[in-house]
């Protein structure tokens, strides 16, 4: 994947997170419950991703707090983007 595709994935997830968060505040009937369930599942999956890839992110540098927030928001897209950027930085050195 190239960086443009990863950034597009991040933008899509931004929209998805907003829709999922709105489901907690706007009555949506049965759909609201489904969206809230998806919110919880995504949050759990991204937390698990951070636990699995935390060491890799630590080795690639940067703030672990910032990595945590970005993995919670973007998951795979953030991890791959950091790996890609680290590879580009080492290739250009």
C-alpha atoms as a PDB file:
ATOM      1  CA  UNK A   1       0.000   0.000   0.000  1.00  0.00           C
ATOM      2  CA  UNK A   2       1.228   3.469  -0.714  1.00  0.00           C
ATOM      3  CA  UNK A   3       0.908   6.437   1.628  1.00  0.00           C
ATOM      4  CA  UNK A   4      -1.991   7.973  -0.336  1.00  0.00           C
ATOM      5  CA  UNK A   5      -4.093   4.841   0.106  1.00  0.00           C
ATOM      6  CA  UNK A   6      -3.257   4.696   3.816  1.00  0.00           C
ATOM      7  CA  UNK A   7      -4.182   8.358   4.305  1.00  0.00           C
ATOM      8  CA  UNK A   8      -7.457   7.800   2.442  1.00  0.00           C
ATOM      9  CA  UNK A   9      -8.183   4.889   4.782  1.00  0.00           C
ATOM     10  CA  UNK A  10      -7.558   7.195   7.738  1.00  0.00           C
ATOM     11  CA  UNK A  11     -10.021   9.744   6.338  1.00  0.00           C
ATOM     12  CA  UNK A  12     -12.669   7.055   5.895  1.00  0.00           C
ATOM     13  CA  UNK A  13     -12.122   5.925   9.491  1.00  0.00           C
ATOM     14  CA  UNK A  14     -12.484   9.534  10.686  1.00  0.00           C
ATOM     15  CA  UNK A  15     -15.944   9.645   9.108  1.00  0.00           C
ATOM     16  CA  UNK A  16     -16.832   6.213  10.492  1.00  0.00           C
ATOM     17  CA  UNK A  17     -15.766   7.158  14.042  1.00  0.00           C
ATOM     18  CA  UNK A  18     -17.916  10.317  13.878  1.00  0.00           C
ATOM     19  CA  UNK A  19     -20.965   8.346  12.716  1.00  0.00           C
ATOM     20  CA  UNK A  20     -20.390   5.732  15.416  1.00  0.00           C
ATOM     21  CA  UNK A  21     -19.938   8.392  18.121  1.00  0.00           C
ATOM     22  CA  UNK A  22     -23.118  10.194  17.036  1.00  0.00           C
ATOM     23  CA  UNK A  23     -25.039   6.970  17.644  1.00  0.00           C
ATOM     24  CA  UNK A  24     -24.500   7.486  21.381  1.00  0.00           C
ATOM     25  CA  UNK A  25     -26.205  10.907  21.328  1.00  0.00           C
ATOM     26  CA  UNK A  26     -28.888  10.741  18.631  1.00  0.00           C
ATOM     27  CA  UNK A  27     -31.780   8.297  18.984  1.00  0.00           C
ATOM     28  CA  UNK A  28     -31.568   5.806  16.113  1.00  0.00           C
ATOM     29  CA  UNK A  29     -33.633   2.894  17.364  1.00  0.00           C
ATOM     30  CA  UNK A  30     -32.171  -0.555  16.661  1.00  0.00           C
ATOM     31  CA  UNK A  31     -29.552   0.885  14.298  1.00  0.00           C
ATOM     32  CA  UNK A  32     -28.097   2.904  17.179  1.00  0.00           C
ATOM     33  CA  UNK A  33     -27.478  -0.256  19.176  1.00  0.00           C
ATOM     34  CA  UNK A  34     -25.730  -1.871  16.221  1.00  0.00           C
ATOM     35  CA  UNK A  35     -23.544   1.201  15.641  1.00  0.00           C
ATOM     36  CA  UNK A  36     -22.661   1.352  19.333  1.00  0.00           C
ATOM     37  CA  UNK A  37     -21.683  -2.308  19.211  1.00  0.00           C
ATOM     38  CA  UNK A  38     -19.469  -1.635  16.190  1.00  0.00           C
ATOM     39  CA  UNK A  39     -17.895   1.288  18.101  1.00  0.00           C
ATOM     40  CA  UNK A  40     -17.003  -0.966  21.034  1.00  0.00           C
ATOM     41  CA  UNK A  41     -15.696  -3.749  18.759  1.00  0.00           C
ATOM     42  CA  UNK A  42     -13.524  -1.343  16.768  1.00  0.00           C
ATOM     43  CA  UNK A  43     -12.146   0.228  19.913  1.00  0.00           C
ATOM     44  CA  UNK A  44     -11.333  -3.216  21.316  1.00  0.00           C
ATOM     45  CA  UNK A  45      -9.743  -4.383  18.062  1.00  0.00           C
ATOM     46  CA  UNK A  46      -7.580  -1.277  17.829  1.00  0.00           C
ATOM     47  CA  UNK A  47      -6.517  -1.610  21.464  1.00  0.00           C
ATOM     48  CA  UNK A  48      -5.510  -5.211  20.747  1.00  0.00           C
ATOM     49  CA  UNK A  49      -3.579  -3.991  17.684  1.00  0.00           C
ATOM     50  CA  UNK A  50      -1.666  -1.555  19.864  1.00  0.00           C
ATOM     51  CA  UNK A  51      -0.802  -4.312  22.318  1.00  0.00           C
ATOM     52  CA  UNK A  52       0.404  -6.555  19.477  1.00  0.00           C
ATOM     53  CA  UNK A  53       2.330  -3.895  17.534  1.00  0.00           C
ATOM     54  CA  UNK A  54       3.451  -1.685  20.449  1.00  0.00           C
ATOM     55  CA  UNK A  55       7.033  -2.960  20.401  1.00  0.00           C
ATOM     56  CA  UNK A  56       7.289  -2.415  16.657  1.00  0.00           C
ATOM     57  CA  UNK A  57       6.021   1.150  17.028  1.00  0.00           C
ATOM     58  CA  UNK A  58       8.433   1.744  19.907  1.00  0.00           C
ATOM     59  CA  UNK A  59      11.367   0.627  17.747  1.00  0.00           C
ATOM     60  CA  UNK A  60      10.242   2.912  14.924  1.00  0.00           C
ATOM     61  CA  UNK A  61      10.412   5.910  17.261  1.00  0.00           C
ATOM     62  CA  UNK A  62       8.028   8.702  18.129  1.00  0.00           C
ATOM     63  CA  UNK A  63       5.794   9.283  21.097  1.00  0.00           C
ATOM     64  CA  UNK A  64       4.085   6.131  22.355  1.00  0.00           C
ATOM     65  CA  UNK A  65       1.171   8.257  23.576  1.00  0.00           C
ATOM     66  CA  UNK A  66       0.724   9.624  20.079  1.00  0.00           C
ATOM     67  CA  UNK A  67       1.007   6.113  18.617  1.00  0.00           C
ATOM     68  CA  UNK A  68      -1.647   4.874  21.063  1.00  0.00           C
ATOM     69  CA  UNK A  69      -4.129   7.572  20.056  1.00  0.00           C
ATOM     70  CA  UNK A  70      -3.476   7.066  16.351  1.00  0.00           C
ATOM     71  CA  UNK A  71      -3.734   3.271  16.574  1.00  0.00           C
ATOM     72  CA  UNK A  72      -7.010   3.613  18.496  1.00  0.00           C
ATOM     73  CA  UNK A  73      -8.291   5.859  15.697  1.00  0.00           C
ATOM     74  CA  UNK A  74      -6.701   4.337  12.606  1.00  0.00           C
ATOM     75  CA  UNK A  75      -5.390   0.894  13.577  1.00  0.00           C
ATOM     76  CA  UNK A  76      -3.698  -0.880  10.684  1.00  0.00           C
ATOM     77  CA  UNK A  77      -3.523   2.307   8.608  1.00  0.00           C
ATOM     78  CA  UNK A  78      -1.362   4.100  11.194  1.00  0.00           C
ATOM     79  CA  UNK A  79       0.926   1.124  11.757  1.00  0.00           C
ATOM     80  CA  UNK A  80       1.513   0.630   8.041  1.00  0.00           C
ATOM     81  CA  UNK A  81       2.050   4.365   7.471  1.00  0.00           C
ATOM     82  CA  UNK A  82       4.663   4.556  10.240  1.00  0.00           C
ATOM     83  CA  UNK A  83       6.437   1.494   8.828  1.00  0.00           C
ATOM     84  CA  UNK A  84       6.330   2.985   5.342  1.00  0.00           C
ATOM     85  CA  UNK A  85       7.666   6.344   6.496  1.00  0.00           C
ATOM     86  CA  UNK A  86      10.416   4.678   8.541  1.00  0.00           C
ATOM     87  CA  UNK A  87      11.422   2.671   5.482  1.00  0.00           C
ATOM     88  CA  UNK A  88      11.503   5.790   3.324  1.00  0.00           C
ATOM     89  CA  UNK A  89      13.560   7.649   5.926  1.00  0.00           C
ATOM     90  CA  UNK A  90      16.123   4.854   6.146  1.00  0.00           C
ATOM     91  CA  UNK A  91      16.214   4.468   2.349  1.00  0.00           C
ATOM     92  CA  UNK A  92      16.909   8.187   1.844  1.00  0.00           C
ATOM     93  CA  UNK A  93      19.723   8.234   4.472  1.00  0.00           C
END
